């Protein structure tokens, strides 16, 4: 069973225009881009 975690961040204006997975990878570097992309696809990572 997976545990839910809550992460929060403000997106700096210089990251505007980038894809969500790219921004998330920069803001949450402790998680792999593939994991972040899976969370986005599953609707578990939102803005």
PDB file of N, CA and C in Angstrom:
ATOM      1  N   UNK A   1       0.850  -1.182   0.000  1.00  0.00           N
ATOM      2  CA  UNK A   1       0.000   0.000   0.000  1.00  0.00           C
ATOM      3  C   UNK A   1       0.890   1.236   0.000  1.00  0.00           C
ATOM      4  N   UNK A   2       0.625   2.183  -0.892  1.00  0.00           N
ATOM      5  CA  UNK A   2       1.457   3.376  -0.960  1.00  0.00           C
ATOM      6  C   UNK A   2       0.933   4.444  -0.015  1.00  0.00           C
ATOM      7  N   UNK A   3       1.867   5.186   0.512  1.00  0.00           N
ATOM      8  CA  UNK A   3       1.541   6.253   1.451  1.00  0.00           C
ATOM      9  C   UNK A   3       1.432   7.563   0.687  1.00  0.00           C
ATOM     10  N   UNK A   4       0.444   8.373   1.020  1.00  0.00           N
ATOM     11  CA  UNK A   4       0.317   9.688   0.411  1.00  0.00           C
ATOM     12  C   UNK A   4       1.252  10.650   1.109  1.00  0.00           C
ATOM     13  N   UNK A   5       1.893  11.506   0.325  1.00  0.00           N
ATOM     14  CA  UNK A   5       2.708  12.576   0.875  1.00  0.00           C
ATOM     15  C   UNK A   5       2.200  13.884   0.295  1.00  0.00           C
ATOM     16  N   UNK A   6       2.439  14.960   0.997  1.00  0.00           N
ATOM     17  CA  UNK A   6       2.037  16.270   0.492  1.00  0.00           C
ATOM     18  C   UNK A   6       3.278  17.133   0.372  1.00  0.00           C
ATOM     19  N   UNK A   7       3.498  17.631  -0.836  1.00  0.00           N
ATOM     20  CA  UNK A   7       4.603  18.535  -1.116  1.00  0.00           C
ATOM     21  C   UNK A   7       4.014  19.827  -1.643  1.00  0.00           C
ATOM     22  N   UNK A   8       4.594  20.934  -1.240  1.00  0.00           N
ATOM     23  CA  UNK A   8       4.130  22.237  -1.733  1.00  0.00           C
ATOM     24  C   UNK A   8       5.326  23.064  -2.162  1.00  0.00           C
ATOM     25  N   UNK A   9       5.128  23.847  -3.215  1.00  0.00           N
ATOM     26  CA  UNK A   9       6.182  24.734  -3.691  1.00  0.00           C
ATOM     27  C   UNK A   9       5.551  25.836  -4.522  1.00  0.00           C
ATOM     28  N   UNK A  10       6.230  26.962  -4.570  1.00  0.00           N
ATOM     29  CA  UNK A  10       5.838  28.038  -5.478  1.00  0.00           C
ATOM     30  C   UNK A  10       6.730  27.945  -6.700  1.00  0.00           C
ATOM     31  N   UNK A  11       6.118  28.058  -7.858  1.00  0.00           N
ATOM     32  CA  UNK A  11       6.873  27.965  -9.105  1.00  0.00           C
ATOM     33  C   UNK A  11       7.443  29.343  -9.432  1.00  0.00           C
ATOM     34  N   UNK A  12       8.773  29.448  -9.500  1.00  0.00           N
ATOM     35  CA  UNK A  12       9.380  30.728  -9.864  1.00  0.00           C
ATOM     36  C   UNK A  12       8.990  31.126 -11.289  1.00  0.00           C
ATOM     37  N   UNK A  13       8.861  32.408 -11.524  1.00  0.00           N
ATOM     38  CA  UNK A  13       8.411  32.884 -12.838  1.00  0.00           C
ATOM     39  C   UNK A  13       9.337  32.434 -13.963  1.00  0.00           C
ATOM     40  N   UNK A  14      10.624  32.242 -13.688  1.00  0.00           N
ATOM     41  CA  UNK A  14      11.543  31.824 -14.751  1.00  0.00           C
ATOM     42  C   UNK A  14      11.290  30.388 -15.221  1.00  0.00           C
ATOM     43  N   UNK A  15      10.508  29.623 -14.471  1.00  0.00           N
ATOM     44  CA  UNK A  15      10.147  28.265 -14.900  1.00  0.00           C
ATOM     45  C   UNK A  15       8.827  28.248 -15.668  1.00  0.00           C
ATOM     46  N   UNK A  16       8.185  29.392 -15.780  1.00  0.00           N
ATOM     47  CA  UNK A  16       6.924  29.488 -16.507  1.00  0.00           C
ATOM     48  C   UNK A  16       7.098  29.065 -17.954  1.00  0.00           C
ATOM     49  N   UNK A  17       6.113  28.393 -18.496  1.00  0.00           N
ATOM     50  CA  UNK A  17       6.152  27.940 -19.877  1.00  0.00           C
ATOM     51  C   UNK A  17       6.732  26.548 -20.055  1.00  0.00           C
ATOM     52  N   UNK A  18       7.303  25.984 -18.991  1.00  0.00           N
ATOM     53  CA  UNK A  18       7.838  24.624 -19.061  1.00  0.00           C
ATOM     54  C   UNK A  18       6.737  23.620 -18.739  1.00  0.00           C
ATOM     55  N   UNK A  19       6.946  22.378 -19.179  1.00  0.00           N
ATOM     56  CA  UNK A  19       5.990  21.312 -18.865  1.00  0.00           C
ATOM     57  C   UNK A  19       5.992  21.049 -17.364  1.00  0.00           C
ATOM     58  N   UNK A  20       4.846  20.575 -16.872  1.00  0.00           N
ATOM     59  CA  UNK A  20       4.694  20.318 -15.441  1.00  0.00           C
ATOM     60  C   UNK A  20       5.722  19.315 -14.936  1.00  0.00           C
ATOM     61  N   UNK A  21       5.993  18.251 -15.691  1.00  0.00           N
ATOM     62  CA  UNK A  21       6.970  17.263 -15.215  1.00  0.00           C
ATOM     63  C   UNK A  21       8.370  17.854 -15.112  1.00  0.00           C
ATOM     64  N   UNK A  22       8.724  18.764 -16.008  1.00  0.00           N
ATOM     65  CA  UNK A  22      10.034  19.405 -15.957  1.00  0.00           C
ATOM     66  C   UNK A  22      10.155  20.310 -14.736  1.00  0.00           C
ATOM     67  N   UNK A  23       9.116  21.086 -14.478  1.00  0.00           N
ATOM     68  CA  UNK A  23       9.125  21.980 -13.318  1.00  0.00           C
ATOM     69  C   UNK A  23       9.151  21.164 -12.033  1.00  0.00           C
ATOM     70  N   UNK A  24       8.316  20.143 -11.964  1.00  0.00           N
ATOM     71  CA  UNK A  24       8.264  19.305 -10.764  1.00  0.00           C
ATOM     72  C   UNK A  24       9.616  18.652 -10.503  1.00  0.00           C
ATOM     73  N   UNK A  25      10.310  18.211 -11.547  1.00  0.00           N
ATOM     74  CA  UNK A  25      11.623  17.582 -11.381  1.00  0.00           C
ATOM     75  C   UNK A  25      12.632  18.566 -10.802  1.00  0.00           C
ATOM     76  N   UNK A  26      12.507  19.835 -11.145  1.00  0.00           N
ATOM     77  CA  UNK A  26      13.413  20.842 -10.594  1.00  0.00           C
ATOM     78  C   UNK A  26      13.047  21.191  -9.157  1.00  0.00           C
ATOM     79  N   UNK A  27      11.761  21.247  -8.868  1.00  0.00           N
ATOM     80  CA  UNK A  27      11.320  21.626  -7.523  1.00  0.00           C
ATOM     81  C   UNK A  27      11.429  20.481  -6.524  1.00  0.00           C
ATOM     82  N   UNK A  28      11.261  19.257  -6.992  1.00  0.00           N
ATOM     83  CA  UNK A  28      11.267  18.083  -6.111  1.00  0.00           C
ATOM     84  C   UNK A  28      12.328  17.096  -6.597  1.00  0.00           C
ATOM     85  N   UNK A  29      13.571  17.523  -6.580  1.00  0.00           N
ATOM     86  CA  UNK A  29      14.684  16.742  -7.132  1.00  0.00           C
ATOM     87  C   UNK A  29      14.896  15.411  -6.413  1.00  0.00           C
ATOM     88  N   UNK A  30      14.335  15.260  -5.220  1.00  0.00           N
ATOM     89  CA  UNK A  30      14.494  14.001  -4.487  1.00  0.00           C
ATOM     90  C   UNK A  30      13.649  12.874  -5.077  1.00  0.00           C
ATOM     91  N   UNK A  31      12.760  13.212  -6.016  1.00  0.00           N
ATOM     92  CA  UNK A  31      11.916  12.220  -6.687  1.00  0.00           C
ATOM     93  C   UNK A  31      12.309  12.174  -8.163  1.00  0.00           C
ATOM     94  N   UNK A  32      12.306  10.991  -8.753  1.00  0.00           N
ATOM     95  CA  UNK A  32      12.676  10.854 -10.163  1.00  0.00           C
ATOM     96  C   UNK A  32      11.601  11.477 -11.056  1.00  0.00           C
ATOM     97  N   UNK A  33      12.034  11.901 -12.248  1.00  0.00           N
ATOM     98  CA  UNK A  33      11.074  12.481 -13.189  1.00  0.00           C
ATOM     99  C   UNK A  33      10.040  11.444 -13.598  1.00  0.00           C
ATOM    100  N   UNK A  34      10.438  10.180 -13.714  1.00  0.00           N
ATOM    101  CA  UNK A  34       9.463   9.148 -14.092  1.00  0.00           C
ATOM    102  C   UNK A  34       8.406   8.970 -13.003  1.00  0.00           C
ATOM    103  N   UNK A  35       8.810   9.042 -11.742  1.00  0.00           N
ATOM    104  CA  UNK A  35       7.833   8.947 -10.649  1.00  0.00           C
ATOM    105  C   UNK A  35       6.895  10.156 -10.676  1.00  0.00           C
ATOM    106  N   UNK A  36       7.459  11.342 -10.860  1.00  0.00           N
ATOM    107  CA  UNK A  36       6.639  12.554 -10.919  1.00  0.00           C
ATOM    108  C   UNK A  36       5.671  12.488 -12.101  1.00  0.00           C
ATOM    109  N   UNK A  37       6.150  12.014 -13.241  1.00  0.00           N
ATOM    110  CA  UNK A  37       5.282  11.878 -14.421  1.00  0.00           C
ATOM    111  C   UNK A  37       4.145  10.900 -14.160  1.00  0.00           C
ATOM    112  N   UNK A  38       4.435   9.815 -13.456  1.00  0.00           N
ATOM    113  CA  UNK A  38       3.388   8.847 -13.113  1.00  0.00           C
ATOM    114  C   UNK A  38       2.357   9.489 -12.197  1.00  0.00           C
ATOM    115  N   UNK A  39       2.819  10.280 -11.237  1.00  0.00           N
ATOM    116  CA  UNK A  39       1.887  10.976 -10.339  1.00  0.00           C
ATOM    117  C   UNK A  39       1.005  11.942 -11.127  1.00  0.00           C
ATOM    118  N   UNK A  40       1.587  12.636 -12.103  1.00  0.00           N
ATOM    119  CA  UNK A  40       0.808  13.560 -12.937  1.00  0.00           C
ATOM    120  C   UNK A  40      -0.245  12.769 -13.712  1.00  0.00           C
ATOM    121  N   UNK A  41       0.176  11.681 -14.349  1.00  0.00           N
ATOM    122  CA  UNK A  41      -0.742  10.851 -15.144  1.00  0.00           C
ATOM    123  C   UNK A  41      -1.886  10.308 -14.292  1.00  0.00           C
ATOM    124  N   UNK A  42      -1.580   9.937 -13.048  1.00  0.00           N
ATOM    125  CA  UNK A  42      -2.586   9.388 -12.131  1.00  0.00           C
ATOM    126  C   UNK A  42      -3.434  10.464 -11.457  1.00  0.00           C
ATOM    127  N   UNK A  43      -3.135  11.740 -11.735  1.00  0.00           N
ATOM    128  CA  UNK A  43      -3.886  12.832 -11.115  1.00  0.00           C
ATOM    129  C   UNK A  43      -3.503  13.083  -9.670  1.00  0.00           C
ATOM    130  N   UNK A  44      -2.323  12.600  -9.273  1.00  0.00           N
ATOM    131  CA  UNK A  44      -1.884  12.743  -7.884  1.00  0.00           C
ATOM    132  C   UNK A  44      -0.978  13.947  -7.683  1.00  0.00           C
ATOM    133  N   UNK A  45      -0.509  14.563  -8.775  1.00  0.00           N
ATOM    134  CA  UNK A  45       0.301  15.778  -8.692  1.00  0.00           C
ATOM    135  C   UNK A  45      -0.463  16.858  -9.436  1.00  0.00           C
ATOM    136  N   UNK A  46      -0.849  17.879  -8.731  1.00  0.00           N
ATOM    137  CA  UNK A  46      -1.662  18.940  -9.323  1.00  0.00           C
ATOM    138  C   UNK A  46      -1.065  20.301  -8.993  1.00  0.00           C
ATOM    139  N   UNK A  47      -1.527  21.298  -9.711  1.00  0.00           N
ATOM    140  CA  UNK A  47      -1.118  22.683  -9.446  1.00  0.00           C
ATOM    141  C   UNK A  47      -2.333  23.498  -9.086  1.00  0.00           C
TER     142      UNK A  47
END
